[in-house]
Amino acid sequence: MSNKIDMLCIDGVTGVGKTTQINMYRNLLKSKGIDYKIFVFKEVDEVGETNSQLIDIIEYLRSNPGSVALCDGSMATDIADDMANNMLQDDIWDRHQNNLQLYASMNQEFNIKNILMTPKDLDMCKERLEKKKLIFNQDIEEIENMEHLRKTAFILRDFDDNTLTTNISFYNIEIDRNDSMLQIHKKILEITKV
């Protein structure tokens, strides 16, 4: 395993600010002359898509030593989403087993930091999305089901203690309504030691 960070995943529910944080981290890497590539994990129904993304990341990191893979999202949200839908743990393991094992092996080969941004107040996420919509004058991802989002956020908050992910570490940053993006970014820098 290398001393520097090879891969940074920032995940969380819709509207928490993960894409903003990825972009801030990208700007930091640019300023230091470090190559990077952004990978976007979307919530998917097919775990095969996540597997393909993980393989793409492995190939990128092996082909570009010294570069950083920045991941907007991670497989954590897909697993938390299944848990929020009351899927049984054995069924979740069967569904995600190959990806979890692949990800655990990646953690052995690369220096990976997994950060989960969990809001204390989900209304804040909704307000951020509305603000973003006004600023950028474009359609943005809508929050369809607040109760489901609440369950997912709660599950992500305790995700590091999940028995499915015993070989993978997740850092949780609780986001308060008053936290600025810069304050959150500083917390991420503390975790990644940049």
Foldseek 3Di string as FASTA:
>chain_A
DDPAAAEEEEAEFAQLCLVVLLVVVVVVCVVVVFAEDEAEDDQDPACVVLVVSLVVSVVVCVVDPRHHYYYHHHCLLNLLLCVLVVDDPVVSCVRCVVVLVSVLVVVVVGVYAAEYEAEPDCVLSQVSLVVVCVVVVDDDDHDDDVSSSVSSSVCSQCVQVDPSNVSDGYHYDYDYSPDDSVNVSVVVCVVSVD
